[in-house]
Protein backbone atom coordinates (compact mmCIF):
# COMPACT_ATOMS: atom_id res chain seq x y z
CA MET A 1 -22.99 0.88 22.96
CA PRO A 2 -25.36 -1.72 22.11
CA ALA A 3 -24.05 -4.40 19.60
CA ALA A 4 -26.89 -3.71 17.31
CA LEU A 5 -25.58 0.10 16.91
CA LEU A 6 -22.15 -1.02 16.34
CA PRO A 7 -20.92 -0.97 12.66
CA GLY A 8 -20.44 -3.87 10.55
CA ARG A 9 -19.39 -7.19 11.97
CA LEU A 10 -19.07 -5.61 15.46
CA GLY A 11 -22.98 -5.16 15.44
CA ASN A 12 -23.67 -8.08 13.36
CA PRO A 13 -21.21 -11.07 12.71
CA ASP A 14 -22.91 -12.09 9.71
CA SER A 15 -22.47 -8.62 7.93
CA THR A 16 -20.97 -8.40 4.46
CA LEU A 17 -20.13 -5.63 2.12
CA ALA A 18 -23.30 -6.56 0.25
CA THR A 19 -25.42 -6.06 3.34
CA ASP A 20 -23.63 -3.20 5.02
CA SER A 21 -25.46 -0.03 4.44
CA ARG A 22 -22.34 2.12 4.31
CA SER A 23 -21.16 0.18 0.97
CA ASP A 24 -21.25 2.77 -2.11
CA PRO A 25 -23.82 0.92 -4.27
CA ARG A 26 -21.79 1.55 -7.32
CA MET A 27 -18.71 -0.51 -5.90
CA LEU A 28 -21.20 -3.27 -5.07
CA ALA A 29 -22.58 -3.42 -8.56
CA ALA A 30 -18.81 -3.72 -9.96
CA MET A 31 -18.21 -6.32 -7.24
CA GLU A 32 -21.54 -8.41 -8.15
CA PRO A 33 -20.11 -10.22 -11.11
CA PHE A 34 -17.01 -11.56 -9.13
CA ARG A 35 -19.07 -12.11 -5.92
CA LEU A 36 -16.74 -9.76 -4.16
CA GLY A 37 -19.39 -8.36 -1.75
CA ASP A 38 -20.04 -11.61 -0.23
CA ARG A 39 -18.11 -12.82 2.83
CA THR A 40 -14.29 -13.72 2.07
CA SER A 41 -14.04 -17.42 2.22
CA PRO A 42 -11.42 -18.77 4.44
CA PRO A 43 -8.04 -19.60 2.63
CA ARG A 44 -7.27 -23.11 1.84
CA VAL A 45 -4.09 -23.10 3.73
CA SER A 46 -3.31 -21.91 7.22
CA PRO A 47 -0.37 -20.32 8.89
CA GLN A 48 0.44 -23.67 10.38
CA ASP A 49 0.65 -25.54 7.15
CA PRO A 50 4.24 -26.33 5.34
CA LEU A 51 5.94 -23.51 3.62
CA ASP A 52 5.56 -24.82 0.34
CA ASP A 53 1.91 -25.18 0.61
CA ARG A 54 1.83 -21.48 1.61
CA LEU A 55 3.97 -20.53 -1.24
CA ARG A 56 1.88 -22.24 -3.90
CA PHE A 57 -1.35 -20.54 -2.28
CA SER A 58 0.25 -17.16 -2.61
CA ARG A 59 1.27 -17.78 -6.13
CA ARG A 60 -2.32 -18.96 -7.05
CA SER A 61 -3.82 -15.95 -5.20
CA GLU A 62 -1.51 -13.55 -7.21
CA THR A 63 -2.76 -14.96 -10.43
CA ARG A 64 -6.36 -14.71 -9.43
CA LEU A 65 -5.71 -11.09 -8.11
CA GLU A 66 -4.15 -10.11 -11.53
CA ALA A 67 -6.85 -11.36 -13.57
CA LEU A 68 -9.30 -9.30 -11.51
CA PHE A 69 -7.47 -6.27 -11.86
CA ASP A 70 -7.51 -6.82 -15.72
CA ALA A 71 -11.17 -7.48 -15.68
CA LEU A 72 -11.89 -4.11 -13.82
CA LEU A 73 -10.30 -1.99 -16.50
CA VAL A 74 -12.01 -3.66 -19.55
CA GLY A 75 -13.29 -0.94 -21.78
CA LEU A 76 -11.46 1.98 -20.12
CA PRO A 77 -9.51 4.24 -22.73
CA PRO A 78 -5.86 4.65 -22.12
CA VAL A 79 -4.60 7.85 -20.39
CA ASP A 80 -3.44 10.52 -22.98
CA GLY A 81 -0.39 12.39 -23.10
CA ILE A 82 1.77 10.10 -20.85
CA VAL A 83 5.51 9.18 -22.03
CA ARG A 84 6.61 5.91 -20.54
CA SER A 85 10.26 4.55 -20.06
CA THR A 86 12.19 1.98 -18.09
CA ARG A 87 15.27 1.99 -16.37
CA THR A 88 17.26 -0.84 -14.87
CA ILE A 89 19.47 0.02 -11.79
CA ARG A 90 21.66 -2.20 -9.61
CA GLY A 91 20.04 -3.17 -6.42
CA PRO A 92 21.23 -4.80 -3.29
CA GLY A 93 23.21 -7.87 -3.53
CA GLY A 94 23.98 -6.95 -7.21
CA ARG A 95 20.15 -7.78 -8.23
CA ASP A 96 18.78 -5.64 -11.16
CA LEU A 97 15.91 -3.23 -10.07
CA LEU A 98 13.29 -2.31 -12.86
CA LEU A 99 11.94 1.15 -12.67
CA SER A 100 9.05 2.28 -14.92
CA ILE A 101 8.86 6.14 -15.34
CA HIS A 102 5.78 7.90 -16.25
CA ARG A 103 5.59 11.42 -17.04
CA PRO A 104 3.50 14.05 -18.97
CA ALA A 105 4.43 14.52 -22.43
CA ASP A 106 5.73 18.02 -23.38
CA VAL A 107 6.51 19.31 -19.99
CA SER A 108 10.05 20.62 -19.47
CA GLU A 109 9.85 22.18 -16.14
CA PRO A 110 10.66 20.10 -12.83
CA LEU A 111 7.49 18.57 -11.36
CA PRO A 112 6.86 16.78 -7.97
CA GLY A 113 8.14 13.22 -8.04
CA ILE A 114 6.53 10.19 -6.79
CA LEU A 115 8.24 6.70 -6.05
CA HIS A 116 5.39 4.52 -6.38
CA ILE A 117 5.42 0.98 -4.42
CA HIS A 118 2.71 -1.31 -5.24
CA GLY A 119 0.66 -3.43 -2.77
CA GLY A 120 0.14 -7.01 -2.22
CA GLY A 121 1.13 -7.42 1.57
CA MET A 122 4.65 -7.31 0.42
CA VAL A 123 4.45 -10.71 -0.82
CA MET A 124 2.60 -10.83 -4.30
CA LEU A 125 1.56 -8.70 -7.17
CA ARG A 126 3.51 -6.62 -9.69
CA GLY A 127 3.85 -2.86 -10.10
CA GLY A 128 3.49 -3.47 -14.15
CA ASN A 129 -0.11 -4.86 -13.83
CA ALA A 130 -3.11 -3.26 -15.31
CA VAL A 131 -4.29 -1.46 -12.14
CA TYR A 132 -1.19 -0.13 -11.01
CA THR A 133 0.14 1.03 -14.66
CA ARG A 134 -3.11 2.98 -14.84
CA TRP A 135 -2.51 4.48 -11.37
CA ARG A 136 0.87 5.68 -12.47
CA ASP A 137 -0.45 7.14 -15.58
CA GLU A 138 -2.98 8.96 -14.17
CA LEU A 139 -0.62 10.53 -11.43
CA ALA A 140 1.32 11.62 -14.29
CA ALA A 141 -1.53 13.13 -16.17
CA ALA A 142 -2.28 15.10 -13.02
CA GLY A 143 1.30 16.64 -13.15
CA LEU A 144 3.60 14.19 -11.46
CA VAL A 145 6.70 12.31 -12.48
CA VAL A 146 6.06 8.70 -11.23
CA VAL A 147 8.74 6.07 -10.74
CA GLY A 148 7.56 2.81 -10.08
CA VAL A 149 9.76 -0.01 -8.57
CA GLU A 150 9.54 -3.70 -9.07
CA PHE A 151 10.87 -4.72 -5.69
CA GLN A 152 11.52 -8.24 -4.47
CA ASN A 153 8.17 -9.69 -3.49
CA ALA A 154 8.46 -12.11 -0.43
CA VAL A 155 7.12 -14.78 -2.73
CA ASP A 156 7.75 -15.18 -6.58
CA GLU A 157 8.48 -18.01 -9.04
CA THR A 158 12.17 -18.02 -7.71
CA GLY A 159 11.05 -18.89 -4.12
CA HIS A 160 10.93 -17.17 -0.61
CA HIS A 161 12.45 -13.80 -0.15
CA PRO A 162 11.17 -12.36 3.33
CA PHE A 163 12.01 -9.25 5.18
CA PRO A 164 13.91 -7.30 4.72
CA GLN A 165 14.66 -7.96 0.84
CA GLY A 166 11.79 -6.00 -0.26
CA LEU A 167 12.46 -3.04 2.00
CA ASP A 168 16.36 -3.24 0.94
CA ASP A 169 14.99 -2.80 -2.55
CA VAL A 170 12.86 0.20 -1.84
CA THR A 171 15.60 1.80 0.02
CA ALA A 172 17.94 1.47 -2.98
CA ALA A 173 15.31 2.62 -5.28
CA THR A 174 14.69 5.77 -3.00
CA LYS A 175 18.26 6.72 -2.88
CA TRP A 176 18.90 6.32 -6.73
CA VAL A 177 15.87 8.47 -7.47
CA SER A 178 16.86 11.25 -4.98
CA ALA A 179 20.34 11.09 -6.69
CA ASN A 180 18.84 11.59 -10.13
CA ARG A 181 16.47 14.37 -9.54
CA ALA A 182 17.74 16.48 -12.33
CA GLU A 183 17.69 13.57 -14.90
CA LEU A 184 14.12 12.86 -13.79
CA GLY A 185 13.10 16.31 -13.79
CA ILE A 186 11.75 16.09 -10.26
CA SER A 187 11.34 18.98 -7.88
CA ALA A 188 10.46 16.97 -4.58
CA LEU A 189 10.43 13.26 -3.75
CA VAL A 190 7.50 11.37 -2.24
CA LEU A 191 7.16 7.99 -1.41
CA GLN A 192 3.66 6.77 -2.15
CA GLY A 193 2.30 3.16 -1.94
CA ASP A 194 -0.86 1.47 -0.83
CA SER A 195 -1.19 -1.46 1.62
CA GLY A 196 1.96 -3.45 1.48
CA GLY A 197 3.35 -0.74 -0.58
CA ALA A 198 2.56 1.78 2.18
CA ASN A 199 4.17 -0.25 4.58
CA LEU A 200 7.60 -0.38 2.59
CA ALA A 201 7.09 3.46 2.02
CA LEU A 202 6.69 4.10 5.79
CA ALA A 203 9.45 1.59 6.75
CA ALA A 204 11.95 3.02 4.24
CA THR A 205 11.40 6.57 5.71
CA ILE A 206 11.88 5.29 9.38
CA ARG A 207 15.04 3.59 8.20
CA ALA A 208 16.12 6.90 6.50
CA GLY A 209 15.39 8.75 9.61
CA ARG A 210 17.48 6.41 11.63
CA GLU A 211 20.50 6.55 9.29
CA GLY A 212 20.27 10.31 9.26
CA ARG A 213 20.29 10.61 12.95
CA ALA A 214 23.58 8.45 12.82
CA ASP A 215 24.99 10.01 9.51
CA PRO A 216 23.86 13.43 7.89
CA VAL A 217 25.23 12.15 4.67
CA ALA A 218 22.89 9.15 4.64
CA ALA A 219 19.99 11.35 5.40
CA ALA A 220 20.82 13.43 2.29
CA ALA A 221 21.08 10.43 0.27
CA ALA A 222 17.81 9.35 1.03
CA GLY A 223 16.33 12.65 0.33
CA ILE A 224 12.44 12.01 1.26
CA ASP A 225 10.44 15.09 1.10
CA GLY A 226 7.14 13.40 2.06
CA VAL A 227 5.29 10.20 2.38
CA TYR A 228 1.88 9.29 1.10
CA ALA A 229 0.46 6.05 2.70
CA SER A 230 -2.84 4.70 1.11
CA VAL A 231 -4.71 1.95 3.17
CA PRO A 232 -1.54 1.02 5.13
CA PHE A 233 -0.90 -2.65 6.00
CA ILE A 234 1.48 -2.14 8.93
CA SER A 235 0.50 -3.90 12.14
CA GLY A 236 0.91 -7.45 11.54
CA LEU A 237 -1.89 -8.16 13.99
CA TYR A 238 -3.85 -10.38 11.62
CA GLU A 239 -5.26 -13.53 13.28
CA TRP A 240 -6.73 -16.61 11.85
CA LEU A 241 -9.28 -16.76 14.77
CA PRO A 242 -11.78 -13.65 15.05
CA GLU A 243 -11.76 -13.75 18.74
CA HIS A 244 -7.93 -13.19 18.59
CA ASN A 245 -8.36 -9.68 16.85
CA PRO A 246 -6.82 -6.79 19.07
CA PRO A 247 -9.61 -4.83 20.81
CA GLU A 248 -7.44 -1.60 20.17
CA LEU A 249 -7.83 -1.84 16.39
CA PRO A 250 -11.63 -2.47 16.21
CA SER A 251 -11.71 -2.22 12.41
CA LEU A 252 -9.84 -5.80 12.12
CA THR A 253 -13.17 -7.01 13.53
CA GLU A 254 -15.76 -4.54 12.06
CA ASN A 255 -14.56 -5.03 8.40
CA ASP A 256 -13.00 -8.69 8.64
CA GLY A 257 -14.03 -10.50 5.38
CA TYR A 258 -14.82 -7.32 3.56
CA PHE A 259 -12.80 -7.88 0.36
CA MET A 260 -9.89 -9.06 2.37
CA SER A 261 -9.75 -11.07 5.68
CA ASN A 262 -7.40 -11.39 8.59
CA ALA A 263 -7.08 -15.03 7.97
CA LEU A 264 -5.52 -14.34 4.48
CA ASN A 265 -3.40 -11.54 5.99
CA SER A 266 -2.09 -13.87 8.57
CA ILE A 267 -0.66 -16.12 5.83
CA LEU A 268 0.78 -12.95 4.11
CA ARG A 269 2.12 -11.71 7.33
CA ASP A 270 4.22 -14.89 7.97
CA LEU A 271 5.38 -15.36 4.52
CA TYR A 272 6.73 -11.71 4.98
CA ASP A 273 8.17 -12.30 8.54
CA GLU A 274 8.55 -15.96 8.74
CA GLY A 275 8.51 -17.16 12.32
CA ARG A 276 7.51 -13.63 13.41
CA ALA A 277 10.97 -12.81 14.45
CA ASN A 278 10.29 -8.97 13.61
CA ARG A 279 6.82 -8.93 15.10
CA THR A 280 7.34 -5.50 16.81
CA ASN A 281 10.16 -4.23 14.49
CA PRO A 282 8.99 -0.90 12.96
CA LEU A 283 10.94 -1.57 9.95
CA ALA A 284 8.91 -4.71 9.38
CA TRP A 285 5.60 -3.48 10.84
CA PRO A 286 5.55 0.38 10.99
CA TYR A 287 2.50 0.41 13.31
CA PHE A 288 5.08 -0.49 16.24
CA ALA A 289 7.08 2.74 15.49
CA GLY A 290 7.30 5.14 18.76
CA VAL A 291 7.76 8.78 18.78
CA ASP A 292 11.48 8.58 18.82
CA ASP A 293 11.47 6.58 15.65
CA LEU A 294 9.09 9.34 13.90
CA ARG A 295 10.55 12.64 15.40
CA GLY A 296 12.00 14.66 12.79
CA LEU A 297 10.59 12.94 9.61
CA PRO A 298 9.23 14.48 6.78
CA PRO A 299 5.42 15.30 6.19
CA HIS A 300 3.14 12.41 5.80
CA ALA A 301 -0.57 11.83 4.41
CA ILE A 302 -2.31 8.70 5.65
CA SER A 303 -5.32 7.77 3.66
CA VAL A 304 -7.58 5.10 4.95
CA ASN A 305 -10.97 3.48 3.66
CA GLU A 306 -13.94 3.15 5.96
CA LEU A 307 -14.74 -0.35 5.02
CA ASP A 308 -11.15 -1.76 5.54
CA PRO A 309 -9.89 -4.01 8.10
CA CYS A 310 -6.75 -2.11 8.25
CA ARG A 311 -8.42 1.15 8.81
CA ASP A 312 -7.60 1.70 12.43
CA GLU A 313 -3.92 0.89 12.08
CA GLY A 314 -3.45 3.56 9.62
CA LEU A 315 -5.37 6.04 11.84
CA ALA A 316 -3.24 5.12 15.05
CA TYR A 317 -0.16 5.53 12.98
CA ALA A 318 -1.20 8.95 12.04
CA GLN A 319 -1.61 9.78 15.66
CA THR A 320 1.80 8.51 16.41
CA LEU A 321 3.10 10.84 13.83
CA ARG A 322 1.35 13.51 15.39
CA ASP A 323 2.54 12.78 18.85
CA ALA A 324 6.09 12.99 17.32
CA GLY A 325 5.53 16.32 15.90
CA VAL A 326 5.53 15.23 12.16
CA PRO A 327 2.97 17.15 9.88
CA VAL A 328 0.29 14.67 9.02
CA LEU A 329 -2.57 15.10 6.41
CA GLU A 330 -5.39 12.41 7.45
CA ARG A 331 -8.19 11.38 5.26
CA THR A 332 -10.71 8.70 5.21
CA VAL A 333 -12.66 7.61 1.91
CA GLN A 334 -16.18 6.68 2.89
CA GLY A 335 -18.18 3.85 1.56
CA VAL A 336 -15.28 1.65 0.09
CA CYS A 337 -13.25 -1.23 0.96
CA HIS A 338 -9.43 -1.94 1.18
CA PHE A 339 -7.75 -0.37 -1.87
CA GLY A 340 -11.23 0.32 -3.41
CA ASP A 341 -10.74 3.94 -4.40
CA GLU A 342 -7.74 3.02 -6.54
CA LEU A 343 -9.17 -0.46 -7.79
CA PHE A 344 -12.72 0.58 -9.17
CA ARG A 345 -11.59 3.05 -11.56
CA ALA A 346 -14.50 2.43 -13.81
CA ALA A 347 -17.34 2.26 -11.20
CA LEU A 348 -16.28 5.10 -8.98
CA PRO A 349 -14.48 7.75 -11.35
CA ASP A 350 -15.18 10.60 -8.86
CA VAL A 351 -13.61 8.54 -5.98
CA TYR A 352 -10.68 7.61 -8.02
CA ALA A 353 -10.19 11.08 -9.33
CA ALA A 354 -10.39 12.54 -5.79
CA SER A 355 -7.56 10.17 -4.66
CA VAL A 356 -5.38 11.10 -7.80
CA ALA A 357 -6.03 14.71 -6.79
CA HIS A 358 -5.07 14.28 -2.97
CA VAL A 359 -1.76 12.60 -3.87
CA HIS A 360 -0.87 15.54 -6.49
CA ASP A 361 -1.95 18.27 -3.98
CA PHE A 362 0.03 16.72 -1.26
CA ALA A 363 3.13 16.38 -3.50
CA ALA A 364 2.74 19.85 -4.72
CA SER A 365 2.58 21.37 -1.29
CA LEU A 366 6.14 20.23 -0.39
């Protein structure tokens, strides 16, 4: 195909979200005050910089993202009819894990349950920020019991906590929720996360499958009935130089710099998997799971966004699941960037509502 006919930066290296004809104009209008439609600027640090410099960069990036999340929800009314509570459980190594529970008010019968795992490349962001609190409220309003877990990010104010600490926390939360279904009032357990949260949801399920094949009691303790992975950040194949992008994942080039960049992702990748010791370990990067890792796992839904660098790794994972005989529901949200269907609640209410409904319908079908 002639380059001029290829989409995004495959056809025009200077393409941006603002100039790409596929972009939803409502998303671009919401982005304009923050200049998010422009090409993402290169990070001020590189993967070769000292660890302390990269840790400081991550913390600054987290602060900016949290402020953006707050700004994008200004003026929206709260979600009515939701009861929130918190629970602290004992996590790996004796660490406390905070769970936030969102449920519809005045509902007594068991409902499908979601363990929600927030995004941020497994490195940053909080599940209790404005965007994720809203997402959990809206899922609850749709008729789900949602439990969010504040897992250990790879970077926080206490220092560096690389793989597998975050995964260990998600595994512990999964087992606790499964063991307390009756108390929580849930009829099925679905792990649901976006981006890095999708990575952890998929990895926790692969781990549960491995444990279950070795020990049926462990499989029962995990108790995962389904997985819903949104815009999964799962390959680790994010390179500082565009010419190093893998050709088997063309969206990494096509949509590079569209709200997120491979250069930034390479820094997050190395903070999560310092030294790249786990570059092909499916528990760190589920993209590398084979059919033997996935065979016998519960049903999955994979939702990707058209203008996302990570789009094709999600689609590839869905195909591997199919090859392994796992039931898969696949979906592509058109016209939006990475996480755009959840982030732009005010600008894209119909797109947001469709994503909420898709998660609900998947969980209710189990």
